[in-house]
C-alpha atoms as a PDB file:
ATOM      1  CA  MET A   1    -293.304  -0.579   7.935  1.00  0.00           C
ATOM      2  CA  LEU A   2    -291.572   2.172   8.367  1.00  0.00           C
ATOM      3  CA  ARG A   3    -291.176   1.864   4.546  1.00  0.00           C
ATOM      4  CA  THR A   4    -294.215   1.681   3.641  1.00  0.00           C
ATOM      5  CA  LEU A   5    -295.100   4.451   5.729  1.00  0.00           C
ATOM      6  CA  LEU A   6    -292.712   6.622   3.759  1.00  0.00           C
ATOM      7  CA  ARG A   7    -294.114   5.061   0.954  1.00  0.00           C
ATOM      8  CA  ALA A   8    -297.542   6.774   2.114  1.00  0.00           C
ATOM      9  CA  LEU A   9    -296.139  10.005   2.098  1.00  0.00           C
ATOM     10  CA  ARG A  10    -296.410  10.538  -1.738  1.00  0.00           C
ATOM     11  CA  PRO A  11    -299.050  12.702  -2.770  1.00  0.00           C
ATOM     12  CA  ALA A  12    -302.207  10.859  -2.631  1.00  0.00           C
ATOM     13  CA  ARG A  13    -305.838  12.003  -2.765  1.00  0.00           C
ATOM     14  CA  LEU A  14    -308.384  11.465   0.090  1.00  0.00           C
ATOM     15  CA  ARG A  15    -311.402  11.530  -1.124  1.00  0.00           C
ATOM     16  CA  ILE A  16    -314.744  12.750   1.032  1.00  0.00           C
ATOM     17  CA  PRO A  17    -317.743  12.919  -1.504  1.00  0.00           C
ATOM     18  CA  ALA A  18    -318.298  16.699  -0.106  1.00  0.00           C
ATOM     19  CA  ARG A  19    -314.978  17.574  -0.408  1.00  0.00           C
ATOM     20  CA  ARG A  20    -311.743  16.646  -1.966  1.00  0.00           C
ATOM     21  CA  PHE A  21    -308.338  17.714  -0.779  1.00  0.00           C
ATOM     22  CA  THR A  22    -304.692  16.522  -2.054  1.00  0.00           C
ATOM     23  CA  ALA A  23    -303.279  14.721   1.099  1.00  0.00           C
ATOM     24  CA  GLY A  24    -299.620  14.331   0.183  1.00  0.00           C
ATOM     25  CA  ILE A  25    -296.934  15.457   2.707  1.00  0.00           C
ATOM     26  CA  ALA A  26    -298.672  17.912   5.066  1.00  0.00           C
ATOM     27  CA  ALA A  27    -297.003  20.370   7.012  1.00  0.00           C
ATOM     28  CA  LEU A  28    -296.837  19.376  10.431  1.00  0.00           C
ATOM     29  CA  PRO A  29    -300.174  20.618  11.834  1.00  0.00           C
ATOM     30  CA  PRO A  30    -299.727  23.907  13.881  1.00  0.00           C
ATOM     31  CA  THR A  31    -298.951  23.578  17.745  1.00  0.00           C
ATOM     32  CA  ALA A  32    -301.790  24.204  20.518  1.00  0.00           C
ATOM     33  CA  ARG A  33    -300.279  27.726  20.949  1.00  0.00           C
ATOM     34  CA  GLU A  34    -300.460  28.410  17.235  1.00  0.00           C
ATOM     35  CA  ALA A  35    -303.984  27.427  16.706  1.00  0.00           C
ATOM     36  CA  LEU A  36    -305.788  28.225  20.138  1.00  0.00           C
ATOM     37  CA  GLY A  37    -303.860  31.516  20.926  1.00  0.00           C
ATOM     38  CA  THR A  38    -301.185  32.327  23.769  1.00  0.00           C
ATOM     39  CA  ASP A  39    -303.920  31.912  27.129  1.00  0.00           C
ATOM     40  CA  VAL A  40    -304.469  28.321  26.526  1.00  0.00           C
ATOM     41  CA  THR A  41    -304.642  26.159  29.631  1.00  0.00           C
ATOM     42  CA  ALA A  42    -302.452  23.375  29.821  1.00  0.00           C
ATOM     43  CA  GLY A  43    -304.525  20.664  29.966  1.00  0.00           C
ATOM     44  CA  GLU A  44    -306.151  21.887  26.820  1.00  0.00           C
ATOM     45  CA  ALA A  45    -302.878  22.176  25.326  1.00  0.00           C
ATOM     46  CA  ILE A  46    -302.120  18.295  25.958  1.00  0.00           C
ATOM     47  CA  ALA A  47    -305.320  17.576  24.759  1.00  0.00           C
ATOM     48  CA  TYR A  48    -305.022  19.456  21.381  1.00  0.00           C
ATOM     49  CA  ASN A  49    -301.237  17.796  20.883  1.00  0.00           C
ATOM     50  CA  ARG A  50    -302.294  14.519  21.834  1.00  0.00           C
ATOM     51  CA  VAL A  51    -304.982  14.957  19.036  1.00  0.00           C
ATOM     52  CA  ARG A  52    -302.709  16.596  16.636  1.00  0.00           C
ATOM     53  CA  VAL A  53    -300.303  13.377  16.569  1.00  0.00           C
ATOM     54  CA  ALA A  54    -302.928  10.797  16.517  1.00  0.00           C
ATOM     55  CA  THR A  55    -304.679  12.068  13.961  1.00  0.00           C
ATOM     56  CA  ALA A  56    -301.566  12.389  11.405  1.00  0.00           C
ATOM     57  CA  THR A  57    -300.447   9.085  12.537  1.00  0.00           C
ATOM     58  CA  ALA A  58    -303.785   7.779  11.809  1.00  0.00           C
ATOM     59  CA  VAL A  59    -304.406   9.199   8.496  1.00  0.00           C
ATOM     60  CA  ALA A  60    -300.407   8.146   7.440  1.00  0.00           C
ATOM     61  CA  LEU A  61    -301.463   4.302   8.725  1.00  0.00           C
ATOM     62  CA  TYR A  62    -304.574   4.776   6.913  1.00  0.00           C
ATOM     63  CA  ARG A  63    -303.032   5.667   3.275  1.00  0.00           C
ATOM     64  CA  SER A  64    -300.516   2.778   4.118  1.00  0.00           C
ATOM     65  CA  GLY A  65    -303.102   0.139   4.838  1.00  0.00           C
ATOM     66  CA  TYR A  66    -302.914  -0.328   8.471  1.00  0.00           C
ATOM     67  CA  THR A  67    -306.085  -1.689  10.491  1.00  0.00           C
ATOM     68  CA  LEU A  68    -306.561  -2.208  13.635  1.00  0.00           C
ATOM     69  CA  PRO A  69    -304.944  -4.129  16.017  1.00  0.00           C
ATOM     70  CA  ILE A  70    -302.199  -2.263  15.937  1.00  0.00           C
ATOM     71  CA  SER A  71    -298.868  -3.164  18.340  1.00  0.00           C
ATOM     72  CA  ASP A  72    -297.653  -0.376  20.419  1.00  0.00           C
ATOM     73  CA  ASP A  73    -293.927  -0.699  18.804  1.00  0.00           C
ATOM     74  CA  ASP A  74    -295.841  -0.177  15.332  1.00  0.00           C
ATOM     75  CA  LEU A  75    -297.656   3.197  16.703  1.00  0.00           C
ATOM     76  CA  ASP A  76    -294.091   4.655  17.836  1.00  0.00           C
ATOM     77  CA  ASP A  77    -292.771   3.460  15.110  1.00  0.00           C
ATOM     78  CA  ALA A  78    -295.238   5.584  13.105  1.00  0.00           C
ATOM     79  CA  VAL A  79    -294.939   8.736  15.281  1.00  0.00           C
ATOM     80  CA  LEU A  80    -291.349   8.680  14.760  1.00  0.00           C
ATOM     81  CA  ALA A  81    -291.368   8.191  11.001  1.00  0.00           C
ATOM     82  CA  LEU A  82    -293.653  11.304  10.551  1.00  0.00           C
ATOM     83  CA  ASP A  83    -291.031  13.316  12.632  1.00  0.00           C
ATOM     84  CA  PHE A  84    -292.919  14.175  15.782  1.00  0.00           C
ATOM     85  CA  PRO A  85    -290.603  15.639  18.681  1.00  0.00           C
ATOM     86  CA  TYR A  86    -291.358  12.858  20.735  1.00  0.00           C
ATOM     87  CA  SER A  87    -289.574   9.502  20.992  1.00  0.00           C
ATOM     88  CA  ALA A  88    -292.526   7.463  21.835  1.00  0.00           C
ATOM     89  CA  PRO A  89    -296.152   8.466  22.092  1.00  0.00           C
ATOM     90  CA  SER A  90    -298.258   8.221  25.391  1.00  0.00           C
ATOM     91  CA  PRO A  91    -300.809   5.095  26.284  1.00  0.00           C
ATOM     92  CA  GLU A  92    -303.602   8.007  25.977  1.00  0.00           C
ATOM     93  CA  THR A  93    -301.818   9.403  22.352  1.00  0.00           C
ATOM     94  CA  ARG A  94    -301.689   5.351  21.554  1.00  0.00           C
ATOM     95  CA  ALA A  95    -305.311   5.061  21.986  1.00  0.00           C
ATOM     96  CA  SER A  96    -306.367   8.367  20.407  1.00  0.00           C
ATOM     97  CA  ILE A  97    -304.249   6.835  17.261  1.00  0.00           C
ATOM     98  CA  ARG A  98    -306.571   3.723  17.665  1.00  0.00           C
ATOM     99  CA  ALA A  99    -309.681   5.159  17.872  1.00  0.00           C
ATOM    100  CA  THR A 100    -309.026   7.629  15.038  1.00  0.00           C
ATOM    101  CA  LEU A 101    -307.428   4.963  13.053  1.00  0.00           C
ATOM    102  CA  ALA A 102    -311.371   2.841  14.206  1.00  0.00           C
ATOM    103  CA  VAL A 103    -312.851   5.885  12.587  1.00  0.00           C
ATOM    104  CA  LEU A 104    -311.454   6.333   9.391  1.00  0.00           C
ATOM    105  CA  GLU A 105    -311.857   2.450   9.121  1.00  0.00           C
ATOM    106  CA  SER A 106    -315.663   2.368   9.977  1.00  0.00           C
ATOM    107  CA  ASP A 107    -316.386   5.646   7.058  1.00  0.00           C
ATOM    108  CA  TYR A 108    -317.373   3.865   4.270  1.00  0.00           C
ATOM    109  CA  THR A 109    -317.163   7.495   2.608  1.00  0.00           C
ATOM    110  CA  VAL A 110    -313.326   7.769   3.167  1.00  0.00           C
ATOM    111  CA  THR A 111    -311.161   6.460   0.510  1.00  0.00           C
ATOM    112  CA  VAL A 112    -307.562   6.289  -0.898  1.00  0.00           C
ATOM    113  CA  THR A 113    -306.894   6.671  -3.928  1.00  0.00           C
ATOM    114  CA  HIS A 114    -303.249   7.375  -6.009  1.00  0.00           C
END
């Protein structure tokens, strides 16, 4: 699985009809403090960072051809492969990854081309 994820990090195009952008190896999304400022609450920071990890992981999994259902171990491996600073995501983060992956899978306007 790690090999497949690393292969997916090669430059690719994620096509959305209204807007196109290159989806290669992106920099780690900004942290809650960087994106929301210094007066962000703990709850907001936790929610933001959970979705930050989930979205990046789900996009990598989707580009790699993974579909639901997906095991907790595979999700943990995916987060590690993307160099997020966590040894394993929380159950809430795993649920968020699965929800994001489900949205990507169900939206026919999102396709991956290499």
